[in-house]
Amino acid sequence: VATQVPWLASWMGDPVSQTLSQDLNFSKVSTEGISQSVILLEEGLMSFLNCVKLNHANLKLLEP
């Protein structure tokens, strides 16, 4: 059937390699997204810790 219908042959092509390349692209995208999320989390955590330090220092100053 695939030889009689050219578009079907090209569509069927090599489904395994197509699926693999899609999976690889997806995993590449997801790892990039994860690393960006980790960087954002670290930045947020650092700024939060800095706020805590500042508040702690301010409380020390306010103590009689």
PDB file of N, CA and C in Angstrom:
ATOM      1  N   VAL A   1       0.842  -1.199   0.000  1.00  0.00           N
ATOM      2  CA  VAL A   1       0.000   0.000   0.000  1.00  0.00           C
ATOM      3  C   VAL A   1       0.876   1.247   0.000  1.00  0.00           C
ATOM      4  N   ALA A   2       1.940   1.258   0.781  1.00  0.00           N
ATOM      5  CA  ALA A   2       2.793   2.436   0.907  1.00  0.00           C
ATOM      6  C   ALA A   2       3.438   2.806  -0.418  1.00  0.00           C
ATOM      7  N   THR A   3       3.773   1.808  -1.252  1.00  0.00           N
ATOM      8  CA  THR A   3       4.424   2.120  -2.529  1.00  0.00           C
ATOM      9  C   THR A   3       3.433   2.718  -3.503  1.00  0.00           C
ATOM     10  N   GLN A   4       2.149   2.379  -3.395  1.00  0.00           N
ATOM     11  CA  GLN A   4       1.143   2.903  -4.311  1.00  0.00           C
ATOM     12  C   GLN A   4       0.784   4.342  -3.957  1.00  0.00           C
ATOM     13  N   VAL A   5       0.844   4.704  -2.701  1.00  0.00           N
ATOM     14  CA  VAL A   5       0.474   6.051  -2.276  1.00  0.00           C
ATOM     15  C   VAL A   5       1.729   6.770  -1.792  1.00  0.00           C
ATOM     16  N   PRO A   6       2.287   7.682  -2.606  1.00  0.00           N
ATOM     17  CA  PRO A   6       3.569   8.310  -2.260  1.00  0.00           C
ATOM     18  C   PRO A   6       3.544   9.092  -0.957  1.00  0.00           C
ATOM     19  N   TRP A   7       2.451   9.852  -0.695  1.00  0.00           N
ATOM     20  CA  TRP A   7       2.436  10.648   0.535  1.00  0.00           C
ATOM     21  C   TRP A   7       2.410   9.759   1.762  1.00  0.00           C
ATOM     22  N   LEU A   8       1.765   8.577   1.616  1.00  0.00           N
ATOM     23  CA  LEU A   8       1.724   7.644   2.737  1.00  0.00           C
ATOM     24  C   LEU A   8       3.118   7.098   3.016  1.00  0.00           C
ATOM     25  N   ALA A   9       3.861   6.813   1.941  1.00  0.00           N
ATOM     26  CA  ALA A   9       5.223   6.304   2.106  1.00  0.00           C
ATOM     27  C   ALA A   9       6.096   7.348   2.790  1.00  0.00           C
ATOM     28  N   SER A  10       5.981   8.599   2.357  1.00  0.00           N
ATOM     29  CA  SER A  10       6.813   9.643   2.963  1.00  0.00           C
ATOM     30  C   SER A  10       6.360   9.913   4.394  1.00  0.00           C
ATOM     31  N   TRP A  11       5.047   9.788   4.636  1.00  0.00           N
ATOM     32  CA  TRP A  11       4.546  10.015   5.997  1.00  0.00           C
ATOM     33  C   TRP A  11       5.011   8.904   6.925  1.00  0.00           C
ATOM     34  N   MET A  12       4.929   7.652   6.437  1.00  0.00           N
ATOM     35  CA  MET A  12       5.385   6.527   7.245  1.00  0.00           C
ATOM     36  C   MET A  12       6.895   6.605   7.423  1.00  0.00           C
ATOM     37  N   GLY A  13       7.592   7.011   6.371  1.00  0.00           N
ATOM     38  CA  GLY A  13       9.030   7.248   6.403  1.00  0.00           C
ATOM     39  C   GLY A  13       9.744   6.330   7.362  1.00  0.00           C
ATOM     40  N   ASP A  14      10.280   6.909   8.427  1.00  0.00           N
ATOM     41  CA  ASP A  14      10.960   6.132   9.456  1.00  0.00           C
ATOM     42  C   ASP A  14      10.384   6.575  10.795  1.00  0.00           C
ATOM     43  N   PRO A  15       9.222   6.052  11.156  1.00  0.00           N
ATOM     44  CA  PRO A  15       8.533   6.561  12.347  1.00  0.00           C
ATOM     45  C   PRO A  15       9.368   6.432  13.618  1.00  0.00           C
ATOM     46  N   VAL A  16      10.212   5.390  13.686  1.00  0.00           N
ATOM     47  CA  VAL A  16      11.001   5.195  14.904  1.00  0.00           C
ATOM     48  C   VAL A  16      11.985   6.339  15.087  1.00  0.00           C
ATOM     49  N   SER A  17      12.709   6.689  14.009  1.00  0.00           N
ATOM     50  CA  SER A  17      13.699   7.766  14.142  1.00  0.00           C
ATOM     51  C   SER A  17      13.002   9.102  14.369  1.00  0.00           C
ATOM     52  N   GLN A  18      11.838   9.298  13.746  1.00  0.00           N
ATOM     53  CA  GLN A  18      11.095  10.543  13.976  1.00  0.00           C
ATOM     54  C   GLN A  18      10.692  10.648  15.443  1.00  0.00           C
ATOM     55  N   THR A  19      10.179   9.551  15.986  1.00  0.00           N
ATOM     56  CA  THR A  19       9.762   9.558  17.390  1.00  0.00           C
ATOM     57  C   THR A  19      10.956   9.801  18.291  1.00  0.00           C
ATOM     58  N   LEU A  20      12.086   9.156  17.978  1.00  0.00           N
ATOM     59  CA  LEU A  20      13.290   9.347  18.785  1.00  0.00           C
ATOM     60  C   LEU A  20      13.737  10.794  18.769  1.00  0.00           C
ATOM     61  N   SER A  21      13.746  11.406  17.575  1.00  0.00           N
ATOM     62  CA  SER A  21      14.208  12.795  17.507  1.00  0.00           C
ATOM     63  C   SER A  21      13.250  13.710  18.257  1.00  0.00           C
ATOM     64  N   GLN A  22      11.943  13.434  18.184  1.00  0.00           N
ATOM     65  CA  GLN A  22      10.985  14.229  18.948  1.00  0.00           C
ATOM     66  C   GLN A  22      11.240  14.071  20.441  1.00  0.00           C
ATOM     67  N   ASP A  23      11.482  12.822  20.883  1.00  0.00           N
ATOM     68  CA  ASP A  23      11.760  12.584  22.300  1.00  0.00           C
ATOM     69  C   ASP A  23      13.019  13.318  22.729  1.00  0.00           C
ATOM     70  N   LEU A  24      14.055  13.278  21.881  1.00  0.00           N
ATOM     71  CA  LEU A  24      15.306  13.954  22.218  1.00  0.00           C
ATOM     72  C   LEU A  24      15.087  15.454  22.323  1.00  0.00           C
ATOM     73  N   ASN A  25      14.347  16.023  21.368  1.00  0.00           N
ATOM     74  CA  ASN A  25      14.055  17.458  21.424  1.00  0.00           C
ATOM     75  C   ASN A  25      13.296  17.790  22.698  1.00  0.00           C
ATOM     76  N   PHE A  26      12.325  16.955  23.026  1.00  0.00           N
ATOM     77  CA  PHE A  26      11.517  17.206  24.223  1.00  0.00           C
ATOM     78  C   PHE A  26      12.383  17.145  25.474  1.00  0.00           C
ATOM     79  N   SER A  27      13.253  16.124  25.558  1.00  0.00           N
ATOM     80  CA  SER A  27      14.082  16.001  26.760  1.00  0.00           C
ATOM     81  C   SER A  27      15.063  17.157  26.838  1.00  0.00           C
ATOM     82  N   LYS A  28      15.555  17.636  25.675  1.00  0.00           N
ATOM     83  CA  LYS A  28      16.466  18.780  25.685  1.00  0.00           C
ATOM     84  C   LYS A  28      15.738  20.010  26.219  1.00  0.00           C
ATOM     85  N   VAL A  29      14.533  20.224  25.721  1.00  0.00           N
ATOM     86  CA  VAL A  29      13.743  21.378  26.165  1.00  0.00           C
ATOM     87  C   VAL A  29      13.446  21.277  27.657  1.00  0.00           C
ATOM     88  N   SER A  30      13.062  20.089  28.118  1.00  0.00           N
ATOM     89  CA  SER A  30      12.689  19.960  29.526  1.00  0.00           C
ATOM     90  C   SER A  30      13.898  20.141  30.433  1.00  0.00           C
ATOM     91  N   THR A  31      15.082  19.654  30.019  1.00  0.00           N
ATOM     92  CA  THR A  31      16.254  19.857  30.877  1.00  0.00           C
ATOM     93  C   THR A  31      16.633  21.328  30.917  1.00  0.00           C
ATOM     94  N   GLU A  32      16.494  22.032  29.778  1.00  0.00           N
ATOM     95  CA  GLU A  32      16.764  23.474  29.780  1.00  0.00           C
ATOM     96  C   GLU A  32      15.790  24.185  30.712  1.00  0.00           C
ATOM     97  N   GLY A  33      14.523  23.818  30.627  1.00  0.00           N
ATOM     98  CA  GLY A  33      13.517  24.433  31.485  1.00  0.00           C
ATOM     99  C   GLY A  33      13.791  24.167  32.953  1.00  0.00           C
ATOM    100  N   ILE A  34      14.200  22.932  33.257  1.00  0.00           N
ATOM    101  CA  ILE A  34      14.483  22.582  34.655  1.00  0.00           C
ATOM    102  C   ILE A  34      15.663  23.383  35.173  1.00  0.00           C
ATOM    103  N   SER A  35      16.724  23.503  34.364  1.00  0.00           N
ATOM    104  CA  SER A  35      17.896  24.242  34.848  1.00  0.00           C
ATOM    105  C   SER A  35      17.553  25.715  35.055  1.00  0.00           C
ATOM    106  N   GLN A  36      16.715  26.275  34.179  1.00  0.00           N
ATOM    107  CA  GLN A  36      16.290  27.667  34.371  1.00  0.00           C
ATOM    108  C   GLN A  36      15.477  27.805  35.654  1.00  0.00           C
ATOM    109  N   SER A  37      14.604  26.843  35.916  1.00  0.00           N
ATOM    110  CA  SER A  37      13.796  26.884  37.137  1.00  0.00           C
ATOM    111  C   SER A  37      14.683  26.808  38.372  1.00  0.00           C
ATOM    112  N   VAL A  38      15.706  25.945  38.312  1.00  0.00           N
ATOM    113  CA  VAL A  38      16.616  25.809  39.452  1.00  0.00           C
ATOM    114  C   VAL A  38      17.344  27.122  39.700  1.00  0.00           C
ATOM    115  N   ILE A  39      17.789  27.778  38.617  1.00  0.00           N
ATOM    116  CA  ILE A  39      18.484  29.063  38.763  1.00  0.00           C
ATOM    117  C   ILE A  39      17.548  30.083  39.413  1.00  0.00           C
ATOM    118  N   LEU A  40      16.299  30.135  38.947  1.00  0.00           N
ATOM    119  CA  LEU A  40      15.334  31.073  39.526  1.00  0.00           C
ATOM    120  C   LEU A  40      15.082  30.755  40.994  1.00  0.00           C
ATOM    121  N   LEU A  41      14.985  29.471  41.322  1.00  0.00           N
ATOM    122  CA  LEU A  41      14.775  29.079  42.719  1.00  0.00           C
ATOM    123  C   LEU A  41      15.940  29.529  43.583  1.00  0.00           C
ATOM    124  N   GLU A  42      17.169  29.326  43.079  1.00  0.00           N
ATOM    125  CA  GLU A  42      18.350  29.726  43.846  1.00  0.00           C
ATOM    126  C   GLU A  42      18.358  31.234  44.062  1.00  0.00           C
ATOM    127  N   GLU A  43      18.039  31.995  43.006  1.00  0.00           N
ATOM    128  CA  GLU A  43      18.017  33.457  43.140  1.00  0.00           C
ATOM    129  C   GLU A  43      16.960  33.883  44.156  1.00  0.00           C
ATOM    130  N   GLY A  44      15.790  33.273  44.071  1.00  0.00           N
ATOM    131  CA  GLY A  44      14.729  33.599  45.017  1.00  0.00           C
ATOM    132  C   GLY A  44      15.124  33.268  46.446  1.00  0.00           C
ATOM    133  N   LEU A  45      15.768  32.117  46.614  1.00  0.00           N
ATOM    134  CA  LEU A  45      16.198  31.708  47.951  1.00  0.00           C
ATOM    135  C   LEU A  45      17.241  32.666  48.503  1.00  0.00           C
ATOM    136  N   MET A  46      18.188  33.077  47.655  1.00  0.00           N
ATOM    137  CA  MET A  46      19.233  33.996  48.109  1.00  0.00           C
ATOM    138  C   MET A  46      18.627  35.337  48.520  1.00  0.00           C
ATOM    139  N   SER A  47      17.699  35.857  47.719  1.00  0.00           N
ATOM    140  CA  SER A  47      17.100  37.150  48.072  1.00  0.00           C
ATOM    141  C   SER A  47      16.267  37.017  49.349  1.00  0.00           C
ATOM    142  N   PHE A  48      15.613  35.865  49.520  1.00  0.00           N
ATOM    143  CA  PHE A  48      14.845  35.632  50.742  1.00  0.00           C
ATOM    144  C   PHE A  48      15.771  35.614  51.959  1.00  0.00           C
ATOM    145  N   LEU A  49      16.905  34.909  51.830  1.00  0.00           N
ATOM    146  CA  LEU A  49      17.863  34.846  52.944  1.00  0.00           C
ATOM    147  C   LEU A  49      18.431  36.226  53.248  1.00  0.00           C
ATOM    148  N   ASN A  50      18.678  37.014  52.203  1.00  0.00           N
ATOM    149  CA  ASN A  50      19.173  38.376  52.421  1.00  0.00           C
ATOM    150  C   ASN A  50      18.146  39.205  53.184  1.00  0.00           C
ATOM    151  N   CYS A  51      16.873  39.049  52.834  1.00  0.00           N
ATOM    152  CA  CYS A  51      15.810  39.767  53.555  1.00  0.00           C
ATOM    153  C   CYS A  51      15.795  39.352  55.022  1.00  0.00           C
ATOM    154  N   VAL A  52      15.932  38.052  55.268  1.00  0.00           N
ATOM    155  CA  VAL A  52      15.930  37.561  56.648  1.00  0.00           C
ATOM    156  C   VAL A  52      17.101  38.160  57.415  1.00  0.00           C
ATOM    157  N   LYS A  53      18.285  38.193  56.776  1.00  0.00           N
ATOM    158  CA  LYS A  53      19.464  38.778  57.433  1.00  0.00           C
ATOM    159  C   LYS A  53      19.220  40.244  57.762  1.00  0.00           C
ATOM    160  N   LEU A  54      18.671  40.988  56.791  1.00  0.00           N
ATOM    161  CA  LEU A  54      18.410  42.414  57.015  1.00  0.00           C
ATOM    162  C   LEU A  54      17.417  42.606  58.152  1.00  0.00           C
ATOM    163  N   ASN A  55      16.344  41.818  58.138  1.00  0.00           N
ATOM    164  CA  ASN A  55      15.343  41.933  59.201  1.00  0.00           C
ATOM    165  C   ASN A  55      15.956  41.601  60.553  1.00  0.00           C
ATOM    166  N   HIS A  56      16.801  40.588  60.578  1.00  0.00           N
ATOM    167  CA  HIS A  56      17.449  40.195  61.831  1.00  0.00           C
ATOM    168  C   HIS A  56      18.334  41.332  62.343  1.00  0.00           C
ATOM    169  N   ALA A  57      19.079  41.958  61.423  1.00  0.00           N
ATOM    170  CA  ALA A  57      19.944  43.079  61.809  1.00  0.00           C
ATOM    171  C   ALA A  57      19.101  44.249  62.316  1.00  0.00           C
ATOM    172  N   ASN A  58      17.989  44.523  61.649  1.00  0.00           N
ATOM    173  CA  ASN A  58      17.111  45.621  62.070  1.00  0.00           C
ATOM    174  C   ASN A  58      16.522  45.345  63.446  1.00  0.00           C
ATOM    175  N   LEU A  59      16.139  44.093  63.703  1.00  0.00           N
ATOM    176  CA  LEU A  59      15.585  43.746  65.012  1.00  0.00           C
ATOM    177  C   LEU A  59      16.635  43.939  66.100  1.00  0.00           C
ATOM    178  N   LYS A  60      17.882  43.590  65.782  1.00  0.00           N
ATOM    179  CA  LYS A  60      18.962  43.795  66.760  1.00  0.00           C
ATOM    180  C   LYS A  60      19.082  45.281  67.104  1.00  0.00           C
ATOM    181  N   LEU A  61      18.964  46.137  66.067  1.00  0.00           N
ATOM    182  CA  LEU A  61      19.079  47.579  66.291  1.00  0.00           C
ATOM    183  C   LEU A  61      17.922  48.098  67.140  1.00  0.00           C
ATOM    184  N   LEU A  62      16.736  47.505  66.947  1.00  0.00           N
ATOM    185  CA  LEU A  62      15.551  47.987  67.663  1.00  0.00           C
ATOM    186  C   LEU A  62      15.544  47.565  69.125  1.00  0.00           C
ATOM    187  N   GLU A  63      16.308  46.516  69.457  1.00  0.00           N
ATOM    188  CA  GLU A  63      16.313  46.058  70.852  1.00  0.00           C
ATOM    189  C   GLU A  63      16.876  47.145  71.767  1.00  0.00           C
ATOM    190  N   PRO A  64      16.271  47.336  72.901  1.00  0.00           N
ATOM    191  CA  PRO A  64      16.722  48.401  73.813  1.00  0.00           C
ATOM    192  C   PRO A  64      18.082  48.066  74.448  1.00  0.00           C
TER     193      PRO A  64
END
